[in-house]
Amino acid sequence: MIGLIAGLTCGIATFYGVGDGFDGQRTASGRRFDAYAHTVAHPYLKFGTRLRITNQDNMKQVYVTVTDRGPYSYADMDMSYGAFRKIANVDNGNATVCWRVVG
């Protein structure tokens, strides 16, 4: 995690769901994972928590819901493919983002 500033947390986001076998599988919350939905895997936020995620390179934003646990890599969160591609180039593989709980 890069930092926490007045309710804003920053770190590295990656994505999952396309070509990795996760699409259609059950998430830790029990929901079926949809790679094109706007969801995120986060290590400790409560399932159903809504986040506003902002890419720090281009300031694009997306709203997501926490439905899974993870990531299991160097990143701070794993976004669904559909959410990640709204704010970043999937060819890059990761993005520096900041997020805030919005509901």
PDB file of N, CA and C in Angstrom:
ATOM      1  N   MET A   1       0.847  -1.172   0.000  1.00  0.00           N
ATOM      2  CA  MET A   1       0.000   0.000   0.000  1.00  0.00           C
ATOM      3  C   MET A   1       0.891   1.233   0.000  1.00  0.00           C
ATOM      4  N   ILE A   2       0.577   2.173  -0.849  1.00  0.00           N
ATOM      5  CA  ILE A   2       1.375   3.380  -0.979  1.00  0.00           C
ATOM      6  C   ILE A   2       1.067   4.369   0.135  1.00  0.00           C
ATOM      7  N   GLY A   3      -0.202   4.555   0.474  1.00  0.00           N
ATOM      8  CA  GLY A   3      -0.485   5.522   1.526  1.00  0.00           C
ATOM      9  C   GLY A   3      -1.950   5.687   1.831  1.00  0.00           C
ATOM     10  N   LEU A   4      -2.211   6.369   2.941  1.00  0.00           N
ATOM     11  CA  LEU A   4      -3.568   6.655   3.384  1.00  0.00           C
ATOM     12  C   LEU A   4      -3.641   8.132   3.716  1.00  0.00           C
ATOM     13  N   ILE A   5      -4.547   8.854   3.054  1.00  0.00           N
ATOM     14  CA  ILE A   5      -4.702  10.281   3.274  1.00  0.00           C
ATOM     15  C   ILE A   5      -6.179  10.586   3.444  1.00  0.00           C
ATOM     16  N   ALA A   6      -6.608  10.939   4.644  1.00  0.00           N
ATOM     17  CA  ALA A   6      -7.986  11.362   4.932  1.00  0.00           C
ATOM     18  C   ALA A   6      -9.025  10.491   4.245  1.00  0.00           C
ATOM     19  N   GLY A   7      -8.980   9.193   4.504  1.00  0.00           N
ATOM     20  CA  GLY A   7      -9.960   8.280   3.941  1.00  0.00           C
ATOM     21  C   GLY A   7      -9.645   7.811   2.530  1.00  0.00           C
ATOM     22  N   LEU A   8      -8.600   8.339   1.954  1.00  0.00           N
ATOM     23  CA  LEU A   8      -8.181   7.950   0.614  1.00  0.00           C
ATOM     24  C   LEU A   8      -6.982   7.025   0.747  1.00  0.00           C
ATOM     25  N   THR A   9      -7.081   5.829   0.182  1.00  0.00           N
ATOM     26  CA  THR A   9      -5.991   4.859   0.240  1.00  0.00           C
ATOM     27  C   THR A   9      -5.441   4.681  -1.165  1.00  0.00           C
ATOM     28  N   CYS A  10      -4.132   4.604  -1.265  1.00  0.00           N
ATOM     29  CA  CYS A  10      -3.501   4.461  -2.570  1.00  0.00           C
ATOM     30  C   CYS A  10      -2.630   3.214  -2.607  1.00  0.00           C
ATOM     31  N   GLY A  11      -2.534   2.624  -3.781  1.00  0.00           N
ATOM     32  CA  GLY A  11      -1.718   1.431  -3.942  1.00  0.00           C
ATOM     33  C   GLY A  11      -1.732   0.954  -5.381  1.00  0.00           C
ATOM     34  N   ILE A  12      -1.398  -0.317  -5.549  1.00  0.00           N
ATOM     35  CA  ILE A  12      -1.313  -0.926  -6.871  1.00  0.00           C
ATOM     36  C   ILE A  12      -2.517  -1.837  -7.092  1.00  0.00           C
ATOM     37  N   ALA A  13      -3.147  -1.693  -8.248  1.00  0.00           N
ATOM     38  CA  ALA A  13      -4.257  -2.561  -8.641  1.00  0.00           C
ATOM     39  C   ALA A  13      -3.842  -3.408  -9.830  1.00  0.00           C
ATOM     40  N   THR A  14      -4.256  -4.660  -9.801  1.00  0.00           N
ATOM     41  CA  THR A  14      -4.128  -5.552 -10.940  1.00  0.00           C
ATOM     42  C   THR A  14      -5.540  -5.972 -11.324  1.00  0.00           C
ATOM     43  N   PHE A  15      -5.659  -6.863 -12.298  1.00  0.00           N
ATOM     44  CA  PHE A  15      -6.992  -7.326 -12.678  1.00  0.00           C
ATOM     45  C   PHE A  15      -6.985  -8.827 -12.859  1.00  0.00           C
ATOM     46  N   TYR A  16      -8.187  -9.402 -12.852  1.00  0.00           N
ATOM     47  CA  TYR A  16      -8.336 -10.838 -13.100  1.00  0.00           C
ATOM     48  C   TYR A  16      -9.667 -11.106 -13.767  1.00  0.00           C
ATOM     49  N   GLY A  17      -9.802 -12.332 -14.307  1.00  0.00           N
ATOM     50  CA  GLY A  17     -11.085 -12.728 -14.845  1.00  0.00           C
ATOM     51  C   GLY A  17     -11.117 -13.110 -16.311  1.00  0.00           C
ATOM     52  N   VAL A  18     -10.129 -12.728 -17.095  1.00  0.00           N
ATOM     53  CA  VAL A  18     -10.121 -13.078 -18.512  1.00  0.00           C
ATOM     54  C   VAL A  18      -8.893 -13.943 -18.780  1.00  0.00           C
ATOM     55  N   GLY A  19      -9.163 -15.178 -19.233  1.00  0.00           N
ATOM     56  CA  GLY A  19      -8.083 -16.082 -19.573  1.00  0.00           C
ATOM     57  C   GLY A  19      -7.403 -16.756 -18.397  1.00  0.00           C
ATOM     58  N   ASP A  20      -7.951 -16.599 -17.204  1.00  0.00           N
ATOM     59  CA  ASP A  20      -7.312 -17.184 -16.032  1.00  0.00           C
ATOM     60  C   ASP A  20      -8.185 -18.214 -15.318  1.00  0.00           C
ATOM     61  N   GLY A  21      -9.373 -18.484 -15.859  1.00  0.00           N
ATOM     62  CA  GLY A  21     -10.243 -19.503 -15.286  1.00  0.00           C
ATOM     63  C   GLY A  21     -11.140 -19.044 -14.154  1.00  0.00           C
ATOM     64  N   PHE A  22     -11.076 -17.778 -13.762  1.00  0.00           N
ATOM     65  CA  PHE A  22     -11.895 -17.296 -12.642  1.00  0.00           C
ATOM     66  C   PHE A  22     -13.310 -16.902 -13.045  1.00  0.00           C
ATOM     67  N   ASP A  23     -13.505 -16.493 -14.294  1.00  0.00           N
ATOM     68  CA  ASP A  23     -14.833 -16.054 -14.728  1.00  0.00           C
ATOM     69  C   ASP A  23     -15.849 -17.181 -14.524  1.00  0.00           C
ATOM     70  N   GLY A  24     -16.931 -16.876 -13.817  1.00  0.00           N
ATOM     71  CA  GLY A  24     -17.986 -17.846 -13.554  1.00  0.00           C
ATOM     72  C   GLY A  24     -17.793 -18.652 -12.287  1.00  0.00           C
ATOM     73  N   GLN A  25     -16.618 -18.563 -11.666  1.00  0.00           N
ATOM     74  CA  GLN A  25     -16.365 -19.287 -10.416  1.00  0.00           C
ATOM     75  C   GLN A  25     -16.980 -18.536  -9.235  1.00  0.00           C
ATOM     76  N   ARG A  26     -17.175 -19.233  -8.142  1.00  0.00           N
ATOM     77  CA  ARG A  26     -17.686 -18.597  -6.923  1.00  0.00           C
ATOM     78  C   ARG A  26     -16.576 -17.774  -6.272  1.00  0.00           C
ATOM     79  N   THR A  27     -16.950 -16.578  -5.809  1.00  0.00           N
ATOM     80  CA  THR A  27     -16.006 -15.733  -5.085  1.00  0.00           C
ATOM     81  C   THR A  27     -16.078 -16.078  -3.601  1.00  0.00           C
ATOM     82  N   ALA A  28     -15.229 -15.450  -2.817  1.00  0.00           N
ATOM     83  CA  ALA A  28     -15.229 -15.669  -1.369  1.00  0.00           C
ATOM     84  C   ALA A  28     -16.557 -15.244  -0.739  1.00  0.00           C
ATOM     85  N   SER A  29     -17.266 -14.321  -1.375  1.00  0.00           N
ATOM     86  CA  SER A  29     -18.566 -13.876  -0.855  1.00  0.00           C
ATOM     87  C   SER A  29     -19.694 -14.826  -1.237  1.00  0.00           C
ATOM     88  N   GLY A  30     -19.409 -15.791  -2.108  1.00  0.00           N
ATOM     89  CA  GLY A  30     -20.431 -16.734  -2.562  1.00  0.00           C
ATOM     90  C   GLY A  30     -21.057 -16.378  -3.892  1.00  0.00           C
ATOM     91  N   ARG A  31     -20.821 -15.159  -4.366  1.00  0.00           N
ATOM     92  CA  ARG A  31     -21.350 -14.740  -5.667  1.00  0.00           C
ATOM     93  C   ARG A  31     -20.515 -15.342  -6.790  1.00  0.00           C
ATOM     94  N   ARG A  32     -21.145 -15.529  -7.936  1.00  0.00           N
ATOM     95  CA  ARG A  32     -20.394 -15.956  -9.120  1.00  0.00           C
ATOM     96  C   ARG A  32     -19.637 -14.751  -9.665  1.00  0.00           C
ATOM     97  N   PHE A  33     -18.388 -14.980  -9.992  1.00  0.00           N
ATOM     98  CA  PHE A  33     -17.559 -13.909 -10.512  1.00  0.00           C
ATOM     99  C   PHE A  33     -17.886 -13.654 -11.974  1.00  0.00           C
ATOM    100  N   ASP A  34     -18.110 -12.398 -12.299  1.00  0.00           N
ATOM    101  CA  ASP A  34     -18.345 -11.951 -13.671  1.00  0.00           C
ATOM    102  C   ASP A  34     -17.196 -11.021 -14.029  1.00  0.00           C
ATOM    103  N   ALA A  35     -16.345 -11.444 -14.933  1.00  0.00           N
ATOM    104  CA  ALA A  35     -15.152 -10.676 -15.286  1.00  0.00           C
ATOM    105  C   ALA A  35     -15.482  -9.292 -15.829  1.00  0.00           C
ATOM    106  N   TYR A  36     -16.704  -9.099 -16.320  1.00  0.00           N
ATOM    107  CA  TYR A  36     -17.078  -7.818 -16.918  1.00  0.00           C
ATOM    108  C   TYR A  36     -17.878  -6.924 -15.984  1.00  0.00           C
ATOM    109  N   ALA A  37     -18.212  -7.413 -14.802  1.00  0.00           N
ATOM    110  CA  ALA A  37     -18.895  -6.596 -13.794  1.00  0.00           C
ATOM    111  C   ALA A  37     -17.869  -5.681 -13.134  1.00  0.00           C
ATOM    112  N   HIS A  38     -18.337  -4.702 -12.415  1.00  0.00           N
ATOM    113  CA  HIS A  38     -17.433  -3.775 -11.725  1.00  0.00           C
ATOM    114  C   HIS A  38     -17.287  -4.218 -10.277  1.00  0.00           C
ATOM    115  N   THR A  39     -16.370  -5.165 -10.080  1.00  0.00           N
ATOM    116  CA  THR A  39     -16.130  -5.732  -8.758  1.00  0.00           C
ATOM    117  C   THR A  39     -14.635  -5.720  -8.455  1.00  0.00           C
ATOM    118  N   VAL A  40     -14.317  -6.015  -7.191  1.00  0.00           N
ATOM    119  CA  VAL A  40     -12.925  -5.996  -6.760  1.00  0.00           C
ATOM    120  C   VAL A  40     -12.712  -7.027  -5.660  1.00  0.00           C
ATOM    121  N   ALA A  41     -11.515  -7.592  -5.637  1.00  0.00           N
ATOM    122  CA  ALA A  41     -11.077  -8.447  -4.541  1.00  0.00           C
ATOM    123  C   ALA A  41     -10.189  -7.599  -3.640  1.00  0.00           C
ATOM    124  N   HIS A  42     -10.521  -7.579  -2.358  1.00  0.00           N
ATOM    125  CA  HIS A  42      -9.767  -6.782  -1.391  1.00  0.00           C
ATOM    126  C   HIS A  42      -9.489  -7.647  -0.171  1.00  0.00           C
ATOM    127  N   PRO A  43      -8.322  -7.493   0.469  1.00  0.00           N
ATOM    128  CA  PRO A  43      -7.969  -8.404   1.556  1.00  0.00           C
ATOM    129  C   PRO A  43      -8.836  -8.320   2.805  1.00  0.00           C
ATOM    130  N   TYR A  44      -9.426  -7.164   3.121  1.00  0.00           N
ATOM    131  CA  TYR A  44     -10.160  -7.079   4.383  1.00  0.00           C
ATOM    132  C   TYR A  44     -11.445  -6.257   4.377  1.00  0.00           C
ATOM    133  N   LEU A  45     -11.714  -5.463   3.362  1.00  0.00           N
ATOM    134  CA  LEU A  45     -12.954  -4.693   3.361  1.00  0.00           C
ATOM    135  C   LEU A  45     -14.160  -5.629   3.306  1.00  0.00           C
ATOM    136  N   LYS A  46     -15.227  -5.247   3.976  1.00  0.00           N
ATOM    137  CA  LYS A  46     -16.451  -6.054   4.063  1.00  0.00           C
ATOM    138  C   LYS A  46     -17.055  -6.267   2.677  1.00  0.00           C
ATOM    139  N   PHE A  47     -17.532  -7.491   2.432  1.00  0.00           N
ATOM    140  CA  PHE A  47     -18.220  -7.771   1.170  1.00  0.00           C
ATOM    141  C   PHE A  47     -19.399  -6.812   1.023  1.00  0.00           C
ATOM    142  N   GLY A  48     -19.595  -6.309  -0.178  1.00  0.00           N
ATOM    143  CA  GLY A  48     -20.669  -5.351  -0.445  1.00  0.00           C
ATOM    144  C   GLY A  48     -20.236  -3.904  -0.324  1.00  0.00           C
ATOM    145  N   THR A  49     -19.033  -3.649   0.197  1.00  0.00           N
ATOM    146  CA  THR A  49     -18.526  -2.282   0.302  1.00  0.00           C
ATOM    147  C   THR A  49     -18.333  -1.702  -1.090  1.00  0.00           C
ATOM    148  N   ARG A  50     -18.809  -0.470  -1.277  1.00  0.00           N
ATOM    149  CA  ARG A  50     -18.648   0.216  -2.561  1.00  0.00           C
ATOM    150  C   ARG A  50     -17.443   1.141  -2.481  1.00  0.00           C
ATOM    151  N   LEU A  51     -16.639   1.123  -3.540  1.00  0.00           N
ATOM    152  CA  LEU A  51     -15.445   1.956  -3.613  1.00  0.00           C
ATOM    153  C   LEU A  51     -15.464   2.798  -4.876  1.00  0.00           C
ATOM    154  N   ARG A  52     -14.896   3.987  -4.783  1.00  0.00           N
ATOM    155  CA  ARG A  52     -14.597   4.790  -5.973  1.00  0.00           C
ATOM    156  C   ARG A  52     -13.091   4.693  -6.164  1.00  0.00           C
ATOM    157  N   ILE A  53     -12.678   4.144  -7.301  1.00  0.00           N
ATOM    158  CA  ILE A  53     -11.260   3.945  -7.587  1.00  0.00           C
ATOM    159  C   ILE A  53     -10.841   4.924  -8.681  1.00  0.00           C
ATOM    160  N   THR A  54      -9.721   5.611  -8.449  1.00  0.00           N
ATOM    161  CA  THR A  54      -9.204   6.589  -9.400  1.00  0.00           C
ATOM    162  C   THR A  54      -7.798   6.184  -9.827  1.00  0.00           C
ATOM    163  N   ASN A  55      -7.586   6.073 -11.129  1.00  0.00           N
ATOM    164  CA  ASN A  55      -6.257   5.817 -11.683  1.00  0.00           C
ATOM    165  C   ASN A  55      -5.457   7.112 -11.550  1.00  0.00           C
ATOM    166  N   GLN A  56      -4.314   7.053 -10.902  1.00  0.00           N
ATOM    167  CA  GLN A  56      -3.518   8.252 -10.645  1.00  0.00           C
ATOM    168  C   GLN A  56      -2.769   8.755 -11.881  1.00  0.00           C
ATOM    169  N   ASP A  57      -2.669   7.959 -12.917  1.00  0.00           N
ATOM    170  CA  ASP A  57      -1.996   8.404 -14.137  1.00  0.00           C
ATOM    171  C   ASP A  57      -2.897   9.214 -15.058  1.00  0.00           C
ATOM    172  N   ASN A  58      -4.203   8.876 -15.085  1.00  0.00           N
ATOM    173  CA  ASN A  58      -5.097   9.562 -16.023  1.00  0.00           C
ATOM    174  C   ASN A  58      -6.352  10.127 -15.364  1.00  0.00           C
ATOM    175  N   MET A  59      -6.507   9.916 -14.064  1.00  0.00           N
ATOM    176  CA  MET A  59      -7.629  10.406 -13.248  1.00  0.00           C
ATOM    177  C   MET A  59      -8.985   9.806 -13.644  1.00  0.00           C
ATOM    178  N   LYS A  60      -8.999   8.744 -14.422  1.00  0.00           N
ATOM    179  CA  LYS A  60     -10.250   8.049 -14.730  1.00  0.00           C
ATOM    180  C   LYS A  60     -10.728   7.335 -13.481  1.00  0.00           C
ATOM    181  N   GLN A  61     -12.078   7.276 -13.328  1.00  0.00           N
ATOM    182  CA  GLN A  61     -12.668   6.679 -12.136  1.00  0.00           C
ATOM    183  C   GLN A  61     -13.664   5.589 -12.489  1.00  0.00           C
ATOM    184  N   VAL A  62     -13.823   4.658 -11.553  1.00  0.00           N
ATOM    185  CA  VAL A  62     -14.825   3.611 -11.682  1.00  0.00           C
ATOM    186  C   VAL A  62     -15.334   3.285 -10.278  1.00  0.00           C
ATOM    187  N   TYR A  63     -16.602   2.930 -10.182  1.00  0.00           N
ATOM    188  CA  TYR A  63     -17.193   2.482  -8.923  1.00  0.00           C
ATOM    189  C   TYR A  63     -17.272   0.962  -8.950  1.00  0.00           C
ATOM    190  N   VAL A  64     -16.871   0.336  -7.855  1.00  0.00           N
ATOM    191  CA  VAL A  64     -16.841  -1.119  -7.771  1.00  0.00           C
ATOM    192  C   VAL A  64     -17.427  -1.571  -6.435  1.00  0.00           C
ATOM    193  N   THR A  65     -17.725  -2.870  -6.362  1.00  0.00           N
ATOM    194  CA  THR A  65     -18.203  -3.494  -5.138  1.00  0.00           C
ATOM    195  C   THR A  65     -17.246  -4.615  -4.751  1.00  0.00           C
ATOM    196  N   VAL A  66     -16.913  -4.702  -3.459  1.00  0.00           N
ATOM    197  CA  VAL A  66     -16.037  -5.764  -2.966  1.00  0.00           C
ATOM    198  C   VAL A  66     -16.830  -7.068  -2.917  1.00  0.00           C
ATOM    199  N   THR A  67     -16.385  -8.071  -3.668  1.00  0.00           N
ATOM    200  CA  THR A  67     -17.069  -9.364  -3.711  1.00  0.00           C
ATOM    201  C   THR A  67     -16.143 -10.545  -3.463  1.00  0.00           C
ATOM    202  N   ASP A  68     -14.842 -10.271  -3.311  1.00  0.00           N
ATOM    203  CA  ASP A  68     -13.893 -11.373  -3.222  1.00  0.00           C
ATOM    204  C   ASP A  68     -12.734 -10.978  -2.324  1.00  0.00           C
ATOM    205  N   ARG A  69     -11.923 -11.951  -1.947  1.00  0.00           N
ATOM    206  CA  ARG A  69     -10.703 -11.725  -1.177  1.00  0.00           C
ATOM    207  C   ARG A  69      -9.507 -11.830  -2.101  1.00  0.00           C
ATOM    208  N   GLY A  70      -8.474 -11.158  -1.743  1.00  0.00           N
ATOM    209  CA  GLY A  70      -7.261 -11.123  -2.525  1.00  0.00           C
ATOM    210  C   GLY A  70      -6.699  -9.730  -2.430  1.00  0.00           C
ATOM    211  N   PRO A  71      -5.716  -9.426  -3.142  1.00  0.00           N
ATOM    212  CA  PRO A  71      -5.055 -10.254  -4.139  1.00  0.00           C
ATOM    213  C   PRO A  71      -4.031 -11.177  -3.486  1.00  0.00           C
ATOM    214  N   TYR A  72      -3.551 -12.095  -4.269  1.00  0.00           N
ATOM    215  CA  TYR A  72      -2.535 -13.030  -3.808  1.00  0.00           C
ATOM    216  C   TYR A  72      -1.262 -12.802  -4.607  1.00  0.00           C
ATOM    217  N   SER A  73      -0.905 -11.538  -4.700  1.00  0.00           N
ATOM    218  CA  SER A  73       0.283 -11.108  -5.439  1.00  0.00           C
ATOM    219  C   SER A  73       0.838  -9.871  -4.749  1.00  0.00           C
ATOM    220  N   TYR A  74       1.643  -9.110  -5.442  1.00  0.00           N
ATOM    221  CA  TYR A  74       2.253  -7.890  -4.912  1.00  0.00           C
ATOM    222  C   TYR A  74       1.265  -6.736  -4.797  1.00  0.00           C
ATOM    223  N   ALA A  75       0.115  -6.838  -5.430  1.00  0.00           N
ATOM    224  CA  ALA A  75      -0.828  -5.724  -5.517  1.00  0.00           C
ATOM    225  C   ALA A  75      -1.629  -5.546  -4.235  1.00  0.00           C
ATOM    226  N   ASP A  76      -2.295  -4.415  -4.142  1.00  0.00           N
ATOM    227  CA  ASP A  76      -3.149  -4.100  -2.997  1.00  0.00           C
ATOM    228  C   ASP A  76      -4.599  -4.492  -3.237  1.00  0.00           C
ATOM    229  N   MET A  77      -4.986  -4.634  -4.508  1.00  0.00           N
ATOM    230  CA  MET A  77      -6.341  -5.071  -4.855  1.00  0.00           C
ATOM    231  C   MET A  77      -6.321  -5.681  -6.242  1.00  0.00           C
ATOM    232  N   ASP A  78      -7.263  -6.602  -6.476  1.00  0.00           N
ATOM    233  CA  ASP A  78      -7.477  -7.188  -7.799  1.00  0.00           C
ATOM    234  C   ASP A  78      -8.833  -6.732  -8.295  1.00  0.00           C
ATOM    235  N   MET A  79      -8.840  -5.989  -9.368  1.00  0.00           N
ATOM    236  CA  MET A  79     -10.087  -5.515  -9.956  1.00  0.00           C
ATOM    237  C   MET A  79     -10.560  -6.515 -10.997  1.00  0.00           C
ATOM    238  N   SER A  80     -11.857  -6.565 -11.211  1.00  0.00           N
ATOM    239  CA  SER A  80     -12.352  -7.366 -12.324  1.00  0.00           C
ATOM    240  C   SER A  80     -11.838  -6.743 -13.621  1.00  0.00           C
ATOM    241  N   TYR A  81     -11.708  -7.568 -14.639  1.00  0.00           N
ATOM    242  CA  TYR A  81     -11.246  -7.100 -15.940  1.00  0.00           C
ATOM    243  C   TYR A  81     -12.094  -5.923 -16.415  1.00  0.00           C
ATOM    244  N   GLY A  82     -13.412  -6.037 -16.283  1.00  0.00           N
ATOM    245  CA  GLY A  82     -14.320  -4.996 -16.756  1.00  0.00           C
ATOM    246  C   GLY A  82     -14.115  -3.662 -16.068  1.00  0.00           C
ATOM    247  N   ALA A  83     -13.863  -3.692 -14.766  1.00  0.00           N
ATOM    248  CA  ALA A  83     -13.636  -2.450 -14.025  1.00  0.00           C
ATOM    249  C   ALA A  83     -12.268  -1.862 -14.359  1.00  0.00           C
ATOM    250  N   PHE A  84     -11.254  -2.727 -14.414  1.00  0.00           N
ATOM    251  CA  PHE A  84      -9.891  -2.260 -14.677  1.00  0.00           C
ATOM    252  C   PHE A  84      -9.796  -1.582 -16.030  1.00  0.00           C
ATOM    253  N   ARG A  85     -10.414  -2.173 -17.050  1.00  0.00           N
ATOM    254  CA  ARG A  85     -10.271  -1.599 -18.397  1.00  0.00           C
ATOM    255  C   ARG A  85     -10.996  -0.258 -18.543  1.00  0.00           C
ATOM    256  N   LYS A  86     -11.880   0.081 -17.601  1.00  0.00           N
ATOM    257  CA  LYS A  86     -12.528   1.403 -17.621  1.00  0.00           C
ATOM    258  C   LYS A  86     -11.551   2.513 -17.253  1.00  0.00           C
ATOM    259  N   ILE A  87     -10.511   2.158 -16.475  1.00  0.00           N
ATOM    260  CA  ILE A  87      -9.606   3.197 -15.989  1.00  0.00           C
ATOM    261  C   ILE A  87      -8.155   3.025 -16.440  1.00  0.00           C
ATOM    262  N   ALA A  88      -7.805   1.869 -16.997  1.00  0.00           N
ATOM    263  CA  ALA A  88      -6.405   1.626 -17.350  1.00  0.00           C
ATOM    264  C   ALA A  88      -6.297   0.706 -18.562  1.00  0.00           C
ATOM    265  N   ASN A  89      -5.139   0.698 -19.151  1.00  0.00           N
ATOM    266  CA  ASN A  89      -4.835  -0.177 -20.279  1.00  0.00           C
ATOM    267  C   ASN A  89      -4.503  -1.563 -19.723  1.00  0.00           C
ATOM    268  N   VAL A  90      -5.276  -2.568 -20.097  1.00  0.00           N
ATOM    269  CA  VAL A  90      -5.048  -3.914 -19.571  1.00  0.00           C
ATOM    270  C   VAL A  90      -3.694  -4.471 -20.009  1.00  0.00           C
ATOM    271  N   ASP A  91      -3.144  -3.965 -21.086  1.00  0.00           N
ATOM    272  CA  ASP A  91      -1.825  -4.419 -21.530  1.00  0.00           C
ATOM    273  C   ASP A  91      -0.727  -4.073 -20.524  1.00  0.00           C
ATOM    274  N   ASN A  92      -0.964  -3.050 -19.691  1.00  0.00           N
ATOM    275  CA  ASN A  92       0.021  -2.666 -18.677  1.00  0.00           C
ATOM    276  C   ASN A  92       0.047  -3.649 -17.508  1.00  0.00           C
ATOM    277  N   GLY A  93      -1.083  -4.300 -17.234  1.00  0.00           N
ATOM    278  CA  GLY A  93      -1.137  -5.300 -16.175  1.00  0.00           C
ATOM    279  C   GLY A  93      -1.415  -4.773 -14.791  1.00  0.00           C
ATOM    280  N   ASN A  94      -1.045  -3.527 -14.526  1.00  0.00           N
ATOM    281  CA  ASN A  94      -1.331  -2.942 -13.218  1.00  0.00           C
ATOM    282  C   ASN A  94      -1.452  -1.433 -13.353  1.00  0.00           C
ATOM    283  N   ALA A  95      -1.928  -0.809 -12.293  1.00  0.00           N
ATOM    284  CA  ALA A  95      -2.086   0.639 -12.296  1.00  0.00           C
ATOM    285  C   ALA A  95      -1.937   1.155 -10.871  1.00  0.00           C
ATOM    286  N   THR A  96      -1.435   2.366 -10.744  1.00  0.00           N
ATOM    287  CA  THR A  96      -1.395   3.046  -9.452  1.00  0.00           C
ATOM    288  C   THR A  96      -2.742   3.730  -9.267  1.00  0.00           C
ATOM    289  N   VAL A  97      -3.436   3.354  -8.206  1.00  0.00           N
ATOM    290  CA  VAL A  97      -4.787   3.854  -7.975  1.00  0.00           C
ATOM    291  C   VAL A  97      -4.941   4.357  -6.548  1.00  0.00           C
ATOM    292  N   CYS A  98      -5.959   5.172  -6.346  1.00  0.00           N
ATOM    293  CA  CYS A  98      -6.402   5.552  -5.010  1.00  0.00           C
ATOM    294  C   CYS A  98      -7.870   5.216  -4.924  1.00  0.00           C
ATOM    295  N   TRP A  99      -8.318   4.805  -3.728  1.00  0.00           N
ATOM    296  CA  TRP A  99      -9.718   4.452  -3.572  1.00  0.00           C
ATOM    297  C   TRP A  99     -10.259   4.994  -2.263  1.00  0.00           C
ATOM    298  N   ARG A 100     -11.569   5.219  -2.304  1.00  0.00           N
ATOM    299  CA  ARG A 100     -12.298   5.741  -1.146  1.00  0.00           C
ATOM    300  C   ARG A 100     -13.577   4.929  -0.999  1.00  0.00           C
ATOM    301  N   VAL A 101     -13.917   4.582   0.221  1.00  0.00           N
ATOM    302  CA  VAL A 101     -15.179   3.906   0.493  1.00  0.00           C
ATOM    303  C   VAL A 101     -16.306   4.908   0.290  1.00  0.00           C
ATOM    304  N   VAL A 102     -17.307   4.537  -0.504  1.00  0.00           N
ATOM    305  CA  VAL A 102     -18.436   5.428  -0.778  1.00  0.00           C
ATOM    306  C   VAL A 102     -19.759   4.827  -0.346  1.00  0.00           C
ATOM    307  N   GLY A 103     -19.743   3.648   0.190  1.00  0.00           N
ATOM    308  CA  GLY A 103     -20.998   3.044   0.653  1.00  0.00           C
ATOM    309  C   GLY A 103     -20.850   1.588   0.970  1.00  0.00           C
TER     310      GLY A 103
END
